[in-house]
Amino acid sequence: MQTVVERELEMQLVLSPERSIPVPARLVYRSSDPFAVHITFHVGSDLPVNWTFARELIVEGVFRPCGHGDVRIWPTKVGGRSVLCMALSSPDGEALLEAPSSPVASWLERTLRAVPPGTEHEQLGMDDGLSRLLAPTAGDDVWLREAWKDSDDTPDASA
Protein backbone atom coordinates (compact mmCIF):
# COMPACT_ATOMS: atom_id res chain seq x y z
CA MET A 1 0.00 0.00 0.00
CA GLN A 2 1.37 3.40 -0.96
CA THR A 3 1.42 6.27 1.52
CA VAL A 4 1.38 9.84 0.21
CA VAL A 5 2.25 12.79 2.44
CA GLU A 6 1.39 16.19 0.95
CA ARG A 7 1.59 19.75 2.14
CA GLU A 8 0.65 22.93 0.34
CA LEU A 9 2.34 26.12 1.43
CA GLU A 10 3.41 29.49 0.22
CA MET A 11 7.10 30.03 -0.40
CA GLN A 12 8.85 33.26 -1.25
CA LEU A 13 10.85 33.57 -4.45
CA VAL A 14 13.66 35.96 -3.57
CA LEU A 15 14.25 38.45 -6.37
CA SER A 16 16.60 40.72 -4.45
CA PRO A 17 17.44 41.36 -0.78
CA GLU A 18 14.55 43.84 -0.65
CA ARG A 19 12.00 42.06 -2.84
CA SER A 20 10.35 38.66 -3.03
CA ILE A 21 7.13 37.30 -4.45
CA PRO A 22 4.87 34.54 -3.11
CA VAL A 23 4.92 31.20 -4.90
CA PRO A 24 2.37 28.51 -4.06
CA ALA A 25 4.09 25.14 -3.67
CA ARG A 26 3.15 21.55 -2.95
CA LEU A 27 5.50 19.19 -1.12
CA VAL A 28 4.86 15.51 -1.89
CA TYR A 29 6.39 12.34 -0.50
CA ARG A 30 5.39 8.89 -1.74
CA SER A 31 6.35 5.67 -0.01
CA SER A 32 6.60 4.08 -3.48
CA ASP A 33 9.52 6.47 -4.18
CA PRO A 34 10.95 6.42 -0.65
CA PHE A 35 14.27 8.17 -1.21
CA ALA A 36 12.79 11.23 -2.96
CA VAL A 37 10.75 14.32 -2.23
CA HIS A 38 8.86 16.18 -4.92
CA ILE A 39 8.12 19.90 -4.95
CA THR A 40 5.77 21.51 -7.45
CA PHE A 41 5.91 25.28 -7.80
CA HIS A 42 2.97 27.13 -9.32
CA VAL A 43 4.62 30.19 -10.76
CA GLY A 44 1.67 31.78 -12.52
CA SER A 45 2.04 29.93 -15.79
CA ASP A 46 0.07 27.09 -17.32
CA LEU A 47 2.84 24.64 -16.54
CA PRO A 48 4.00 24.12 -12.96
CA VAL A 49 7.70 23.67 -12.22
CA ASN A 50 8.60 20.31 -10.68
CA TRP A 51 11.70 19.44 -8.69
CA THR A 52 12.68 16.08 -7.26
CA PHE A 53 15.60 15.47 -4.93
CA ALA A 54 16.73 13.22 -2.09
CA ARG A 55 14.64 13.29 1.08
CA GLU A 56 17.90 13.01 3.00
CA LEU A 57 18.93 16.40 1.63
CA ILE A 58 15.93 18.20 3.09
CA VAL A 59 16.22 16.24 6.37
CA GLU A 60 19.77 17.53 6.78
CA GLY A 61 18.94 20.98 5.41
CA VAL A 62 16.45 21.63 8.21
CA PHE A 63 19.38 21.59 10.65
CA ARG A 64 22.45 22.79 8.70
CA PRO A 65 23.58 23.91 5.26
CA CYS A 66 23.84 21.00 2.83
CA GLY A 67 23.84 20.10 -0.81
CA HIS A 68 25.88 21.23 -3.75
CA GLY A 69 25.24 21.67 -7.41
CA ASP A 70 21.57 21.87 -8.41
CA VAL A 71 20.02 21.83 -4.93
CA ARG A 72 21.31 23.53 -1.78
CA ILE A 73 19.29 23.86 1.42
CA TRP A 74 19.96 25.68 4.68
CA PRO A 75 18.08 27.04 7.70
CA THR A 76 18.18 30.74 8.56
CA LYS A 77 16.18 33.60 10.04
CA VAL A 78 14.58 36.34 7.95
CA GLY A 79 12.88 39.22 9.70
CA GLY A 80 12.88 37.28 12.97
CA ARG A 81 11.16 34.20 11.54
CA SER A 82 12.74 30.81 10.86
CA VAL A 83 12.87 29.86 7.21
CA LEU A 84 14.36 27.12 5.11
CA CYS A 85 16.22 28.42 2.06
CA MET A 86 16.41 26.39 -1.14
CA ALA A 87 18.77 27.42 -3.89
CA LEU A 88 17.80 25.63 -7.11
CA SER A 89 19.86 25.69 -10.27
CA SER A 90 19.08 24.31 -13.73
CA PRO A 91 20.03 25.05 -17.33
CA ASP A 92 16.89 27.24 -17.43
CA GLY A 93 18.00 29.45 -14.56
CA GLU A 94 18.45 29.76 -10.83
CA ALA A 95 16.05 30.46 -8.00
CA LEU A 96 16.33 31.19 -4.31
CA LEU A 97 13.22 30.26 -2.36
CA GLU A 98 12.33 30.66 1.30
CA ALA A 99 9.87 28.32 2.99
CA PRO A 100 8.51 28.76 6.50
CA SER A 101 10.42 26.24 8.64
CA SER A 102 7.58 25.01 10.82
CA PRO A 103 5.24 23.64 8.11
CA VAL A 104 8.16 22.07 6.25
CA ALA A 105 9.42 20.41 9.45
CA SER A 106 5.90 19.12 10.26
CA TRP A 107 5.53 17.67 6.76
CA LEU A 108 9.00 16.13 6.97
CA GLU A 109 8.18 14.51 10.32
CA ARG A 110 5.11 12.92 8.75
CA THR A 111 7.27 11.48 5.94
CA LEU A 112 9.71 10.08 8.49
CA ARG A 113 6.86 8.41 10.39
CA ALA A 114 5.50 6.95 7.15
CA VAL A 115 8.89 5.55 6.13
CA PRO A 116 11.53 5.75 8.88
CA PRO A 117 15.10 6.53 7.79
CA GLY A 118 17.01 3.36 6.96
CA THR A 119 13.87 1.44 5.93
CA GLU A 120 13.39 3.04 2.52
CA HIS A 121 14.73 0.00 0.66
CA GLU A 122 12.00 -2.16 2.22
CA GLN A 123 9.39 -0.07 0.39
CA LEU A 124 10.87 -0.94 -2.98
CA GLY A 125 10.26 -4.70 -2.71
CA MET A 126 13.67 -5.34 -4.23
CA ASP A 127 14.38 -8.38 -2.07
CA ASP A 128 11.17 -10.09 -3.21
CA GLY A 129 11.80 -9.12 -6.81
CA LEU A 130 15.37 -10.40 -6.75
CA SER A 131 14.28 -13.63 -5.11
CA ARG A 132 11.72 -14.21 -7.87
CA LEU A 133 14.20 -13.24 -10.54
CA LEU A 134 16.94 -15.54 -9.25
CA ALA A 135 14.71 -18.46 -8.22
CA PRO A 136 15.36 -21.58 -10.28
CA THR A 137 12.58 -22.76 -12.54
CA ALA A 138 11.72 -26.29 -13.61
CA GLY A 139 13.58 -26.00 -16.93
CA ASP A 140 16.81 -24.47 -15.54
CA ASP A 141 18.59 -27.78 -14.93
CA VAL A 142 17.86 -28.99 -18.48
CA TRP A 143 19.03 -25.68 -19.98
CA LEU A 144 22.25 -25.75 -17.96
CA ARG A 145 23.05 -29.36 -18.99
CA GLU A 146 22.46 -28.50 -22.65
CA ALA A 147 24.60 -25.36 -22.37
CA TRP A 148 27.53 -27.35 -20.94
CA LYS A 149 27.15 -30.11 -23.53
CA ASP A 150 27.55 -27.67 -26.43
CA SER A 151 30.38 -25.69 -24.81
CA ASP A 152 34.12 -26.06 -25.34
CA ASP A 153 34.45 -25.38 -21.63
CA THR A 154 32.76 -28.67 -20.68
CA PRO A 155 34.26 -29.87 -17.44
CA ASP A 156 36.53 -32.80 -18.10
CA ALA A 157 35.32 -35.74 -16.04
CA SER A 158 38.78 -37.35 -16.18
CA ALA A 159 40.55 -34.38 -14.62
C-alpha atoms as a PDB file:
ATOM      1  CA  MET A   1       0.000   0.000   0.000  1.00  0.00           C
ATOM      2  CA  GLN A   2       1.368   3.400  -0.957  1.00  0.00           C
ATOM      3  CA  THR A   3       1.419   6.265   1.520  1.00  0.00           C
ATOM      4  CA  VAL A   4       1.377   9.835   0.209  1.00  0.00           C
ATOM      5  CA  VAL A   5       2.254  12.786   2.439  1.00  0.00           C
ATOM      6  CA  GLU A   6       1.387  16.187   0.946  1.00  0.00           C
ATOM      7  CA  ARG A   7       1.590  19.750   2.139  1.00  0.00           C
ATOM      8  CA  GLU A   8       0.652  22.932   0.336  1.00  0.00           C
ATOM      9  CA  LEU A   9       2.337  26.117   1.429  1.00  0.00           C
ATOM     10  CA  GLU A  10       3.410  29.491   0.223  1.00  0.00           C
ATOM     11  CA  MET A  11       7.095  30.028  -0.399  1.00  0.00           C
ATOM     12  CA  GLN A  12       8.851  33.258  -1.247  1.00  0.00           C
ATOM     13  CA  LEU A  13      10.851  33.570  -4.450  1.00  0.00           C
ATOM     14  CA  VAL A  14      13.665  35.960  -3.570  1.00  0.00           C
ATOM     15  CA  LEU A  15      14.252  38.447  -6.373  1.00  0.00           C
ATOM     16  CA  SER A  16      16.604  40.721  -4.447  1.00  0.00           C
ATOM     17  CA  PRO A  17      17.442  41.359  -0.778  1.00  0.00           C
ATOM     18  CA  GLU A  18      14.550  43.842  -0.654  1.00  0.00           C
ATOM     19  CA  ARG A  19      12.004  42.060  -2.835  1.00  0.00           C
ATOM     20  CA  SER A  20      10.349  38.657  -3.025  1.00  0.00           C
ATOM     21  CA  ILE A  21       7.130  37.295  -4.455  1.00  0.00           C
ATOM     22  CA  PRO A  22       4.872  34.543  -3.113  1.00  0.00           C
ATOM     23  CA  VAL A  23       4.923  31.202  -4.901  1.00  0.00           C
ATOM     24  CA  PRO A  24       2.374  28.507  -4.055  1.00  0.00           C
ATOM     25  CA  ALA A  25       4.090  25.137  -3.671  1.00  0.00           C
ATOM     26  CA  ARG A  26       3.148  21.546  -2.954  1.00  0.00           C
ATOM     27  CA  LEU A  27       5.496  19.189  -1.115  1.00  0.00           C
ATOM     28  CA  VAL A  28       4.859  15.510  -1.889  1.00  0.00           C
ATOM     29  CA  TYR A  29       6.393  12.337  -0.497  1.00  0.00           C
ATOM     30  CA  ARG A  30       5.390   8.891  -1.742  1.00  0.00           C
ATOM     31  CA  SER A  31       6.350   5.671  -0.007  1.00  0.00           C
ATOM     32  CA  SER A  32       6.602   4.082  -3.478  1.00  0.00           C
ATOM     33  CA  ASP A  33       9.523   6.471  -4.182  1.00  0.00           C
ATOM     34  CA  PRO A  34      10.951   6.420  -0.647  1.00  0.00           C
ATOM     35  CA  PHE A  35      14.268   8.170  -1.214  1.00  0.00           C
ATOM     36  CA  ALA A  36      12.792  11.231  -2.965  1.00  0.00           C
ATOM     37  CA  VAL A  37      10.750  14.323  -2.230  1.00  0.00           C
ATOM     38  CA  HIS A  38       8.856  16.184  -4.923  1.00  0.00           C
ATOM     39  CA  ILE A  39       8.118  19.896  -4.946  1.00  0.00           C
ATOM     40  CA  THR A  40       5.775  21.513  -7.449  1.00  0.00           C
ATOM     41  CA  PHE A  41       5.909  25.285  -7.797  1.00  0.00           C
ATOM     42  CA  HIS A  42       2.971  27.125  -9.320  1.00  0.00           C
ATOM     43  CA  VAL A  43       4.619  30.191 -10.762  1.00  0.00           C
ATOM     44  CA  GLY A  44       1.674  31.777 -12.516  1.00  0.00           C
ATOM     45  CA  SER A  45       2.038  29.925 -15.787  1.00  0.00           C
ATOM     46  CA  ASP A  46       0.073  27.093 -17.324  1.00  0.00           C
ATOM     47  CA  LEU A  47       2.844  24.638 -16.544  1.00  0.00           C
ATOM     48  CA  PRO A  48       4.002  24.120 -12.960  1.00  0.00           C
ATOM     49  CA  VAL A  49       7.704  23.666 -12.225  1.00  0.00           C
ATOM     50  CA  ASN A  50       8.603  20.307 -10.684  1.00  0.00           C
ATOM     51  CA  TRP A  51      11.702  19.441  -8.690  1.00  0.00           C
ATOM     52  CA  THR A  52      12.678  16.076  -7.255  1.00  0.00           C
ATOM     53  CA  PHE A  53      15.595  15.465  -4.932  1.00  0.00           C
ATOM     54  CA  ALA A  54      16.726  13.224  -2.093  1.00  0.00           C
ATOM     55  CA  ARG A  55      14.641  13.290   1.084  1.00  0.00           C
ATOM     56  CA  GLU A  56      17.900  13.008   3.003  1.00  0.00           C
ATOM     57  CA  LEU A  57      18.927  16.404   1.631  1.00  0.00           C
ATOM     58  CA  ILE A  58      15.927  18.202   3.087  1.00  0.00           C
ATOM     59  CA  VAL A  59      16.225  16.237   6.369  1.00  0.00           C
ATOM     60  CA  GLU A  60      19.768  17.533   6.783  1.00  0.00           C
ATOM     61  CA  GLY A  61      18.943  20.984   5.408  1.00  0.00           C
ATOM     62  CA  VAL A  62      16.448  21.626   8.206  1.00  0.00           C
ATOM     63  CA  PHE A  63      19.383  21.595  10.651  1.00  0.00           C
ATOM     64  CA  ARG A  64      22.454  22.788   8.704  1.00  0.00           C
ATOM     65  CA  PRO A  65      23.577  23.905   5.258  1.00  0.00           C
ATOM     66  CA  CYS A  66      23.837  21.003   2.834  1.00  0.00           C
ATOM     67  CA  GLY A  67      23.840  20.101  -0.806  1.00  0.00           C
ATOM     68  CA  HIS A  68      25.883  21.229  -3.750  1.00  0.00           C
ATOM     69  CA  GLY A  69      25.235  21.670  -7.413  1.00  0.00           C
ATOM     70  CA  ASP A  70      21.574  21.871  -8.408  1.00  0.00           C
ATOM     71  CA  VAL A  71      20.019  21.831  -4.926  1.00  0.00           C
ATOM     72  CA  ARG A  72      21.314  23.526  -1.783  1.00  0.00           C
ATOM     73  CA  ILE A  73      19.287  23.859   1.421  1.00  0.00           C
ATOM     74  CA  TRP A  74      19.956  25.676   4.680  1.00  0.00           C
ATOM     75  CA  PRO A  75      18.076  27.036   7.697  1.00  0.00           C
ATOM     76  CA  THR A  76      18.182  30.738   8.560  1.00  0.00           C
ATOM     77  CA  LYS A  77      16.183  33.600  10.041  1.00  0.00           C
ATOM     78  CA  VAL A  78      14.583  36.336   7.955  1.00  0.00           C
ATOM     79  CA  GLY A  79      12.884  39.217   9.697  1.00  0.00           C
ATOM     80  CA  GLY A  80      12.884  37.279  12.970  1.00  0.00           C
ATOM     81  CA  ARG A  81      11.164  34.204  11.536  1.00  0.00           C
ATOM     82  CA  SER A  82      12.735  30.811  10.860  1.00  0.00           C
ATOM     83  CA  VAL A  83      12.872  29.857   7.206  1.00  0.00           C
ATOM     84  CA  LEU A  84      14.361  27.118   5.106  1.00  0.00           C
ATOM     85  CA  CYS A  85      16.219  28.417   2.063  1.00  0.00           C
ATOM     86  CA  MET A  86      16.409  26.389  -1.138  1.00  0.00           C
ATOM     87  CA  ALA A  87      18.767  27.416  -3.894  1.00  0.00           C
ATOM     88  CA  LEU A  88      17.800  25.629  -7.105  1.00  0.00           C
ATOM     89  CA  SER A  89      19.861  25.693 -10.270  1.00  0.00           C
ATOM     90  CA  SER A  90      19.076  24.310 -13.727  1.00  0.00           C
ATOM     91  CA  PRO A  91      20.025  25.047 -17.334  1.00  0.00           C
ATOM     92  CA  ASP A  92      16.886  27.236 -17.432  1.00  0.00           C
ATOM     93  CA  GLY A  93      17.996  29.452 -14.557  1.00  0.00           C
ATOM     94  CA  GLU A  94      18.449  29.757 -10.828  1.00  0.00           C
ATOM     95  CA  ALA A  95      16.046  30.457  -8.002  1.00  0.00           C
ATOM     96  CA  LEU A  96      16.331  31.189  -4.309  1.00  0.00           C
ATOM     97  CA  LEU A  97      13.220  30.259  -2.364  1.00  0.00           C
ATOM     98  CA  GLU A  98      12.334  30.664   1.297  1.00  0.00           C
ATOM     99  CA  ALA A  99       9.874  28.318   2.985  1.00  0.00           C
ATOM    100  CA  PRO A 100       8.510  28.759   6.499  1.00  0.00           C
ATOM    101  CA  SER A 101      10.421  26.238   8.638  1.00  0.00           C
ATOM    102  CA  SER A 102       7.582  25.015  10.822  1.00  0.00           C
ATOM    103  CA  PRO A 103       5.242  23.642   8.109  1.00  0.00           C
ATOM    104  CA  VAL A 104       8.165  22.068   6.246  1.00  0.00           C
ATOM    105  CA  ALA A 105       9.420  20.407   9.450  1.00  0.00           C
ATOM    106  CA  SER A 106       5.905  19.123  10.261  1.00  0.00           C
ATOM    107  CA  TRP A 107       5.535  17.673   6.762  1.00  0.00           C
ATOM    108  CA  LEU A 108       8.999  16.132   6.970  1.00  0.00           C
ATOM    109  CA  GLU A 109       8.182  14.510  10.323  1.00  0.00           C
ATOM    110  CA  ARG A 110       5.112  12.919   8.750  1.00  0.00           C
ATOM    111  CA  THR A 111       7.266  11.482   5.937  1.00  0.00           C
ATOM    112  CA  LEU A 112       9.714  10.082   8.495  1.00  0.00           C
ATOM    113  CA  ARG A 113       6.864   8.413  10.389  1.00  0.00           C
ATOM    114  CA  ALA A 114       5.495   6.952   7.149  1.00  0.00           C
ATOM    115  CA  VAL A 115       8.894   5.547   6.131  1.00  0.00           C
ATOM    116  CA  PRO A 116      11.532   5.750   8.882  1.00  0.00           C
ATOM    117  CA  PRO A 117      15.103   6.526   7.791  1.00  0.00           C
ATOM    118  CA  GLY A 118      17.013   3.360   6.964  1.00  0.00           C
ATOM    119  CA  THR A 119      13.868   1.441   5.930  1.00  0.00           C
ATOM    120  CA  GLU A 120      13.389   3.037   2.521  1.00  0.00           C
ATOM    121  CA  HIS A 121      14.730  -0.004   0.664  1.00  0.00           C
ATOM    122  CA  GLU A 122      11.997  -2.163   2.219  1.00  0.00           C
ATOM    123  CA  GLN A 123       9.387  -0.068   0.388  1.00  0.00           C
ATOM    124  CA  LEU A 124      10.872  -0.938  -2.983  1.00  0.00           C
ATOM    125  CA  GLY A 125      10.261  -4.699  -2.711  1.00  0.00           C
ATOM    126  CA  MET A 126      13.669  -5.340  -4.235  1.00  0.00           C
ATOM    127  CA  ASP A 127      14.382  -8.384  -2.075  1.00  0.00           C
ATOM    128  CA  ASP A 128      11.171 -10.087  -3.206  1.00  0.00           C
ATOM    129  CA  GLY A 129      11.802  -9.124  -6.810  1.00  0.00           C
ATOM    130  CA  LEU A 130      15.372 -10.395  -6.753  1.00  0.00           C
ATOM    131  CA  SER A 131      14.278 -13.632  -5.106  1.00  0.00           C
ATOM    132  CA  ARG A 132      11.718 -14.211  -7.866  1.00  0.00           C
ATOM    133  CA  LEU A 133      14.204 -13.238 -10.544  1.00  0.00           C
ATOM    134  CA  LEU A 134      16.939 -15.538  -9.248  1.00  0.00           C
ATOM    135  CA  ALA A 135      14.715 -18.462  -8.219  1.00  0.00           C
ATOM    136  CA  PRO A 136      15.358 -21.579 -10.281  1.00  0.00           C
ATOM    137  CA  THR A 137      12.579 -22.763 -12.540  1.00  0.00           C
ATOM    138  CA  ALA A 138      11.724 -26.293 -13.611  1.00  0.00           C
ATOM    139  CA  GLY A 139      13.582 -26.000 -16.925  1.00  0.00           C
ATOM    140  CA  ASP A 140      16.807 -24.470 -15.543  1.00  0.00           C
ATOM    141  CA  ASP A 141      18.593 -27.779 -14.926  1.00  0.00           C
ATOM    142  CA  VAL A 142      17.856 -28.991 -18.484  1.00  0.00           C
ATOM    143  CA  TRP A 143      19.030 -25.682 -19.982  1.00  0.00           C
ATOM    144  CA  LEU A 144      22.248 -25.751 -17.955  1.00  0.00           C
ATOM    145  CA  ARG A 145      23.049 -29.357 -18.986  1.00  0.00           C
ATOM    146  CA  GLU A 146      22.458 -28.504 -22.652  1.00  0.00           C
ATOM    147  CA  ALA A 147      24.604 -25.361 -22.372  1.00  0.00           C
ATOM    148  CA  TRP A 148      27.531 -27.348 -20.939  1.00  0.00           C
ATOM    149  CA  LYS A 149      27.147 -30.114 -23.531  1.00  0.00           C
ATOM    150  CA  ASP A 150      27.554 -27.668 -26.430  1.00  0.00           C
ATOM    151  CA  SER A 151      30.378 -25.687 -24.812  1.00  0.00           C
ATOM    152  CA  ASP A 152      34.120 -26.059 -25.337  1.00  0.00           C
ATOM    153  CA  ASP A 153      34.451 -25.378 -21.627  1.00  0.00           C
ATOM    154  CA  THR A 154      32.762 -28.669 -20.683  1.00  0.00           C
ATOM    155  CA  PRO A 155      34.257 -29.868 -17.439  1.00  0.00           C
ATOM    156  CA  ASP A 156      36.530 -32.804 -18.096  1.00  0.00           C
ATOM    157  CA  ALA A 157      35.324 -35.740 -16.041  1.00  0.00           C
ATOM    158  CA  SER A 158      38.784 -37.349 -16.178  1.00  0.00           C
ATOM    159  CA  ALA A 159      40.545 -34.381 -14.621  1.00  0.00           C
END
